Amino acid sequence: MVKAVEPDLAELKSMLLACGAVRFGKFTLTSGQTSDVYVDIKQVSTHPTRLRPIARRLARHVGKAEILAGMELGAVPLVVATSLEAGLPYVIVRKPGRTHGTARTFEGHVPPGATCLVLEDVTTTGGSLVTTVEILRAAGAAVTRAVTVVDREGGGAEKLRAMGVELTALITLAELRGAPP
């Protein structure tokens, strides 16, 4: 389990619940799994008074990163806002399959050997994070850390660990449900 490290966990949980970013019911996730909880960080990232505190929390984890990165669509506002908070450039990684235009796998500049921090909105199985890391590494970036707003604890952290990437969560699904951190 990835443990959230923020001192203001209760405040984060309250904000996510109050704005409707966390809903309970029956849902099919991107991974194809079904769940009784749906986490929609777009409810946070599309409103400045909610996005700013998330970006500040994410910026606390920048460390020695030289570049921020995230995959389209969900991570883009998080990466842009965190870039503004941290004063770092960013890269937007495209979902696989782009065949038109330049067919680039990412937008932005990745200097060879640059240390890159990957940001994500919600992590379940880690599929999009794995793809993002692979694309960035193929471009020459050094990627050893990723930060997600919510870790659904569906195996993503373990998958990333096997690639040499440490996943940090601002909050976990267990913490959203009310289980002790």
Protein backbone atom coordinates (compact mmCIF):
# COMPACT_ATOMS: atom_id res chain seq x y z
CA MET A 1 0.00 0.00 0.00
CA VAL A 2 1.18 3.51 -0.83
CA LYS A 3 0.81 5.73 2.19
CA ALA A 4 -0.30 9.33 1.79
CA VAL A 5 2.22 11.70 3.28
CA GLU A 6 0.32 14.98 3.46
CA PRO A 7 -0.25 16.51 6.90
CA ASP A 8 -3.59 17.92 5.75
CA LEU A 9 -5.14 14.62 4.74
CA ALA A 10 -8.52 15.40 6.35
CA GLU A 11 -8.74 18.68 4.44
CA LEU A 12 -7.93 16.95 1.14
CA LYS A 13 -10.47 14.20 1.78
CA SER A 14 -13.13 16.74 2.68
CA MET A 15 -12.51 18.75 -0.50
CA LEU A 16 -12.63 15.66 -2.74
CA LEU A 17 -15.90 14.50 -1.19
CA ALA A 18 -17.53 17.96 -1.09
CA CYS A 19 -16.93 18.77 -4.77
CA GLY A 20 -18.19 15.40 -6.02
CA ALA A 21 -14.78 14.10 -7.10
CA VAL A 22 -15.52 10.92 -5.14
CA ARG A 23 -18.84 9.19 -5.77
CA PHE A 24 -20.26 5.95 -4.49
CA GLY A 25 -22.38 3.59 -6.60
CA LYS A 26 -21.55 1.09 -9.36
CA PHE A 27 -18.95 2.12 -11.94
CA THR A 28 -16.76 0.62 -14.66
CA LEU A 29 -13.20 1.95 -14.50
CA THR A 30 -10.77 2.63 -17.37
CA SER A 31 -9.05 -0.64 -16.47
CA GLY A 32 -12.32 -2.49 -17.12
CA GLN A 33 -12.73 -3.33 -13.45
CA THR A 34 -15.96 -2.50 -11.64
CA SER A 35 -15.97 -0.53 -8.43
CA ASP A 36 -18.35 0.94 -5.88
CA VAL A 37 -16.26 4.14 -5.82
CA TYR A 38 -15.56 6.49 -8.71
CA VAL A 39 -12.85 9.13 -8.42
CA ASP A 40 -13.11 12.00 -10.90
CA ILE A 41 -10.27 14.45 -10.30
CA LYS A 42 -11.57 16.57 -13.20
CA GLN A 43 -14.09 17.88 -10.65
CA VAL A 44 -11.05 19.35 -8.89
CA SER A 45 -8.81 20.26 -11.82
CA THR A 46 -11.46 22.28 -13.67
CA HIS A 47 -11.97 24.74 -10.81
CA PRO A 48 -9.16 27.10 -9.73
CA THR A 49 -9.96 27.18 -6.01
CA ARG A 50 -9.71 23.38 -5.92
CA LEU A 51 -6.87 22.95 -8.43
CA ARG A 52 -4.52 25.38 -6.70
CA PRO A 53 -4.35 23.48 -3.36
CA ILE A 54 -3.83 20.19 -5.23
CA ALA A 55 -1.01 21.76 -7.28
CA ARG A 56 0.58 23.05 -4.08
CA ARG A 57 0.43 19.57 -2.57
CA LEU A 58 1.93 18.06 -5.72
CA ALA A 59 4.67 20.71 -5.83
CA ARG A 60 5.83 19.59 -2.37
CA HIS A 61 7.01 16.38 -4.02
CA VAL A 62 9.04 17.90 -6.86
CA GLY A 63 12.37 17.33 -5.12
CA LYS A 64 15.23 17.41 -7.64
CA ALA A 65 13.01 16.95 -10.69
CA GLU A 66 13.91 19.12 -13.67
CA ILE A 67 10.77 18.42 -15.69
CA LEU A 68 7.19 17.49 -14.83
CA ALA A 69 5.15 15.17 -17.03
CA GLY A 70 1.68 13.72 -17.30
CA MET A 71 -0.48 11.91 -19.80
CA GLU A 72 -3.37 13.55 -21.55
CA LEU A 73 -6.20 14.22 -20.44
CA GLY A 74 -6.55 13.89 -16.68
CA ALA A 75 -2.99 14.78 -15.69
CA VAL A 76 -2.62 17.82 -17.96
CA PRO A 77 -4.20 20.47 -15.70
CA LEU A 78 -2.35 18.99 -12.73
CA VAL A 79 0.98 19.19 -14.56
CA VAL A 80 0.37 22.74 -15.79
CA ALA A 81 -0.73 24.02 -12.36
CA THR A 82 2.17 22.25 -10.61
CA SER A 83 4.56 23.67 -13.20
CA LEU A 84 3.39 27.16 -12.29
CA GLU A 85 3.76 26.41 -8.56
CA ALA A 86 7.21 24.85 -8.88
CA GLY A 87 8.58 26.97 -11.72
CA LEU A 88 9.48 23.91 -13.79
CA PRO A 89 8.86 23.07 -17.46
CA TYR A 90 6.52 20.24 -18.30
CA VAL A 91 5.81 17.62 -20.92
CA ILE A 92 2.41 16.33 -22.00
CA VAL A 93 2.54 12.66 -22.97
CA ARG A 94 0.08 11.63 -25.67
CA LYS A 95 -1.98 8.49 -25.46
CA PRO A 96 -0.66 5.81 -27.80
CA GLY A 97 -2.01 5.73 -31.33
CA ARG A 98 -1.41 9.26 -32.61
CA THR A 99 -0.76 8.91 -36.34
CA HIS A 100 -1.50 12.39 -37.68
CA GLY A 101 0.62 15.55 -37.72
CA THR A 102 4.09 14.86 -36.36
CA ALA A 103 2.89 11.67 -34.61
CA ARG A 104 4.92 12.77 -31.57
CA THR A 105 4.46 10.75 -28.41
CA PHE A 106 4.79 13.87 -26.24
CA GLU A 107 4.72 17.65 -26.42
CA GLY A 108 7.49 19.64 -24.76
CA HIS A 109 11.25 19.25 -24.51
CA VAL A 110 13.06 16.43 -22.71
CA PRO A 111 16.81 17.05 -22.49
CA PRO A 112 18.79 13.77 -22.44
CA GLY A 113 19.21 12.54 -18.86
CA ALA A 114 16.79 15.10 -17.38
CA THR A 115 15.16 14.00 -14.13
CA CYS A 116 11.42 13.83 -14.69
CA LEU A 117 8.60 13.58 -12.14
CA VAL A 118 5.41 12.03 -13.50
CA LEU A 119 2.08 13.28 -12.17
CA GLU A 120 -1.24 11.44 -12.39
CA ASP A 121 -4.80 12.12 -11.31
CA VAL A 122 -5.95 8.62 -10.34
CA THR A 123 -3.94 5.39 -10.31
CA THR A 124 -5.54 1.94 -10.29
CA THR A 125 -3.54 -0.67 -12.19
CA GLY A 126 -0.84 1.81 -13.24
CA GLY A 127 -1.30 1.25 -16.97
CA SER A 128 -1.13 4.89 -18.06
CA LEU A 129 1.74 5.61 -15.67
CA VAL A 130 3.72 2.67 -17.06
CA THR A 131 3.13 3.93 -20.61
CA THR A 132 4.13 7.46 -19.61
CA VAL A 133 7.35 6.24 -17.96
CA GLU A 134 8.24 4.11 -20.99
CA ILE A 135 7.71 7.03 -23.41
CA LEU A 136 9.76 9.41 -21.28
CA ARG A 137 12.58 6.92 -20.78
CA ALA A 138 12.67 6.23 -24.53
CA ALA A 139 13.13 10.00 -24.98
CA GLY A 140 16.13 9.92 -22.63
CA ALA A 141 14.55 11.10 -19.37
CA ALA A 142 15.46 9.66 -15.98
CA VAL A 143 12.18 8.67 -14.32
CA THR A 144 12.24 7.16 -10.82
CA ARG A 145 9.27 8.85 -9.14
CA ALA A 146 5.57 9.46 -9.77
CA VAL A 147 2.94 11.24 -7.70
CA THR A 148 -0.78 10.55 -8.00
CA VAL A 149 -3.60 12.45 -6.38
CA VAL A 150 -5.50 9.24 -5.56
CA ASP A 151 -4.10 5.72 -5.46
CA ARG A 152 -6.96 3.24 -5.77
CA GLU A 153 -4.49 0.58 -4.58
CA GLY A 154 -5.17 -1.70 -7.53
CA GLY A 155 -1.61 -2.86 -8.15
CA GLY A 156 -0.22 0.25 -9.82
CA ALA A 157 2.40 0.92 -7.14
CA GLU A 158 3.74 -2.61 -7.44
CA LYS A 159 3.84 -2.44 -11.24
CA LEU A 160 5.79 0.82 -11.07
CA ARG A 161 8.13 -0.49 -8.36
CA ALA A 162 9.06 -3.33 -10.73
CA MET A 163 10.17 -0.61 -13.19
CA GLY A 164 12.21 1.20 -10.56
CA VAL A 165 9.62 3.95 -10.03
CA GLU A 166 8.37 4.96 -6.58
CA LEU A 167 4.71 5.99 -6.42
CA THR A 168 3.55 8.54 -3.85
CA ALA A 169 -0.14 9.26 -3.29
CA LEU A 170 -1.66 12.40 -1.87
CA ILE A 171 -4.46 10.13 -0.64
CA THR A 172 -5.40 6.46 -1.03
CA LEU A 173 -8.77 4.87 -1.67
CA ALA A 174 -8.66 3.31 1.82
CA GLU A 175 -8.17 6.77 3.31
CA LEU A 176 -11.06 8.13 1.25
CA ARG A 177 -13.23 5.30 2.54
CA GLY A 178 -12.27 6.20 6.08
CA ALA A 179 -9.79 3.49 6.92
CA PRO A 180 -6.87 4.73 9.02
CA PRO A 181 -3.78 5.73 7.00
